[in-house]
Amino acid sequence: MNQKEVKVVKRIFQDYLSGIGSFTIAKELEKEGIPTVVGGKWNGTTILKILKNEKYK
């Protein structure tokens, strides 16, 4: 994982812990033009997978 990806994952965890829902986080990342690792679109399911993935914890 490169530094840009690390920043995005940290942001996702911080936003979620601040009470922002996964779909809202995905919407904001899309709005800001931040790409996923594979270049796809962000969605709530993708955010939840990251939050549940032990290697990101």
N, C-alpha and C. Protein backbone atom coordinates (compact mmCIF):
# COMPACT_ATOMS: atom_id res chain seq x y z
N MET A 1 0.86 -1.17 0.00
CA MET A 1 0.00 0.00 0.00
C MET A 1 0.91 1.24 0.00
N ASN A 2 0.60 2.18 -0.88
CA ASN A 2 1.40 3.40 -0.93
C ASN A 2 0.83 4.46 0.02
N GLN A 3 1.52 5.57 0.14
CA GLN A 3 1.14 6.60 1.11
C GLN A 3 -0.23 7.22 0.83
N LYS A 4 -0.58 7.37 -0.45
CA LYS A 4 -1.90 7.92 -0.78
C LYS A 4 -3.00 6.99 -0.31
N GLU A 5 -2.79 5.68 -0.52
CA GLU A 5 -3.78 4.70 -0.09
C GLU A 5 -3.91 4.68 1.43
N VAL A 6 -2.78 4.81 2.12
CA VAL A 6 -2.79 4.84 3.58
C VAL A 6 -3.62 6.02 4.07
N LYS A 7 -3.44 7.19 3.45
CA LYS A 7 -4.19 8.37 3.86
C LYS A 7 -5.69 8.18 3.67
N VAL A 8 -6.08 7.54 2.56
CA VAL A 8 -7.50 7.32 2.29
C VAL A 8 -8.09 6.34 3.31
N VAL A 9 -7.37 5.26 3.61
CA VAL A 9 -7.87 4.28 4.58
C VAL A 9 -7.99 4.91 5.96
N LYS A 10 -7.01 5.69 6.36
CA LYS A 10 -7.09 6.38 7.66
C LYS A 10 -8.28 7.33 7.70
N ARG A 11 -8.48 8.02 6.61
CA ARG A 11 -9.62 8.94 6.54
C ARG A 11 -10.94 8.19 6.67
N ILE A 12 -11.05 7.06 5.98
CA ILE A 12 -12.28 6.26 6.05
C ILE A 12 -12.56 5.85 7.49
N PHE A 13 -11.54 5.36 8.21
CA PHE A 13 -11.72 4.97 9.61
C PHE A 13 -12.08 6.17 10.49
N GLN A 14 -11.40 7.28 10.29
CA GLN A 14 -11.68 8.48 11.10
C GLN A 14 -13.10 8.97 10.86
N ASP A 15 -13.50 9.04 9.59
CA ASP A 15 -14.86 9.50 9.28
C ASP A 15 -15.90 8.56 9.89
N TYR A 16 -15.67 7.27 9.75
CA TYR A 16 -16.63 6.29 10.27
C TYR A 16 -16.74 6.39 11.79
N LEU A 17 -15.59 6.53 12.45
CA LEU A 17 -15.61 6.65 13.92
C LEU A 17 -16.22 7.97 14.38
N SER A 18 -16.25 8.96 13.49
CA SER A 18 -16.88 10.24 13.80
C SER A 18 -18.39 10.21 13.58
N GLY A 19 -18.88 9.07 13.12
CA GLY A 19 -20.32 8.92 12.95
C GLY A 19 -20.82 9.07 11.52
N ILE A 20 -19.92 9.19 10.56
CA ILE A 20 -20.32 9.31 9.16
C ILE A 20 -20.55 7.91 8.61
N GLY A 21 -21.65 7.71 7.93
CA GLY A 21 -21.99 6.40 7.39
C GLY A 21 -21.16 6.03 6.17
N SER A 22 -21.13 4.74 5.88
CA SER A 22 -20.30 4.24 4.78
C SER A 22 -20.72 4.81 3.42
N PHE A 23 -22.01 4.95 3.19
CA PHE A 23 -22.48 5.48 1.91
C PHE A 23 -22.12 6.96 1.75
N THR A 24 -22.16 7.70 2.84
CA THR A 24 -21.78 9.11 2.81
C THR A 24 -20.28 9.26 2.57
N ILE A 25 -19.49 8.41 3.20
CA ILE A 25 -18.04 8.43 2.98
C ILE A 25 -17.74 8.15 1.51
N ALA A 26 -18.39 7.14 0.96
CA ALA A 26 -18.18 6.79 -0.45
C ALA A 26 -18.56 7.96 -1.36
N LYS A 27 -19.67 8.59 -1.06
CA LYS A 27 -20.14 9.73 -1.86
C LYS A 27 -19.13 10.87 -1.84
N GLU A 28 -18.56 11.15 -0.67
CA GLU A 28 -17.58 12.23 -0.54
C GLU A 28 -16.29 11.90 -1.31
N LEU A 29 -15.83 10.65 -1.21
CA LEU A 29 -14.61 10.26 -1.93
C LEU A 29 -14.82 10.37 -3.44
N GLU A 30 -16.00 9.98 -3.90
CA GLU A 30 -16.33 10.10 -5.33
C GLU A 30 -16.36 11.57 -5.75
N LYS A 31 -17.00 12.38 -4.92
CA LYS A 31 -17.14 13.81 -5.21
C LYS A 31 -15.78 14.49 -5.30
N GLU A 32 -14.83 14.04 -4.48
CA GLU A 32 -13.50 14.62 -4.47
C GLU A 32 -12.59 14.01 -5.55
N GLY A 33 -13.08 13.02 -6.26
CA GLY A 33 -12.30 12.41 -7.34
C GLY A 33 -11.17 11.51 -6.87
N ILE A 34 -11.30 10.99 -5.66
CA ILE A 34 -10.27 10.10 -5.12
C ILE A 34 -10.54 8.69 -5.66
N PRO A 35 -9.58 8.11 -6.39
CA PRO A 35 -9.81 6.80 -6.99
C PRO A 35 -9.67 5.65 -5.99
N THR A 36 -10.35 4.54 -6.29
CA THR A 36 -10.12 3.32 -5.52
C THR A 36 -8.80 2.73 -6.01
N VAL A 37 -8.32 1.71 -5.33
CA VAL A 37 -7.05 1.07 -5.71
C VAL A 37 -7.11 0.53 -7.13
N VAL A 38 -8.27 -0.03 -7.51
CA VAL A 38 -8.41 -0.62 -8.84
C VAL A 38 -9.00 0.36 -9.85
N GLY A 39 -9.21 1.60 -9.43
CA GLY A 39 -9.73 2.61 -10.34
C GLY A 39 -11.23 2.62 -10.52
N GLY A 40 -11.94 1.88 -9.66
CA GLY A 40 -13.40 1.84 -9.74
C GLY A 40 -14.05 2.97 -8.96
N LYS A 41 -15.35 2.87 -8.83
CA LYS A 41 -16.10 3.89 -8.08
C LYS A 41 -16.27 3.43 -6.63
N TRP A 42 -16.28 4.41 -5.75
CA TRP A 42 -16.53 4.14 -4.34
C TRP A 42 -18.01 3.88 -4.13
N ASN A 43 -18.31 2.94 -3.25
CA ASN A 43 -19.69 2.72 -2.82
C ASN A 43 -19.66 2.26 -1.37
N GLY A 44 -20.81 2.25 -0.76
CA GLY A 44 -20.89 1.90 0.66
C GLY A 44 -20.36 0.53 0.97
N THR A 45 -20.58 -0.41 0.07
CA THR A 45 -20.11 -1.78 0.28
C THR A 45 -18.58 -1.84 0.31
N THR A 46 -17.95 -1.09 -0.57
CA THR A 46 -16.49 -1.04 -0.60
C THR A 46 -15.96 -0.48 0.72
N ILE A 47 -16.59 0.56 1.21
CA ILE A 47 -16.17 1.16 2.49
C ILE A 47 -16.31 0.14 3.62
N LEU A 48 -17.43 -0.57 3.66
CA LEU A 48 -17.65 -1.58 4.71
C LEU A 48 -16.62 -2.69 4.63
N LYS A 49 -16.24 -3.10 3.43
CA LYS A 49 -15.22 -4.14 3.28
C LYS A 49 -13.89 -3.67 3.86
N ILE A 50 -13.55 -2.42 3.62
CA ILE A 50 -12.31 -1.88 4.18
C ILE A 50 -12.39 -1.85 5.70
N LEU A 51 -13.51 -1.41 6.24
CA LEU A 51 -13.68 -1.31 7.69
C LEU A 51 -13.63 -2.69 8.37
N LYS A 52 -14.07 -3.73 7.68
CA LYS A 52 -14.09 -5.08 8.23
C LYS A 52 -12.81 -5.86 7.98
N ASN A 53 -11.94 -5.35 7.15
CA ASN A 53 -10.71 -6.05 6.77
C ASN A 53 -9.68 -5.89 7.89
N GLU A 54 -9.28 -7.01 8.49
CA GLU A 54 -8.35 -6.97 9.63
C GLU A 54 -6.99 -6.37 9.29
N LYS A 55 -6.53 -6.51 8.06
CA LYS A 55 -5.19 -5.99 7.75
C LYS A 55 -5.15 -4.46 7.77
N TYR A 56 -6.30 -3.80 7.70
CA TYR A 56 -6.32 -2.34 7.80
C TYR A 56 -6.39 -1.87 9.24
N LYS A 57 -6.76 -2.74 10.14
CA LYS A 57 -6.86 -2.38 11.56
C LYS A 57 -5.49 -2.35 12.16
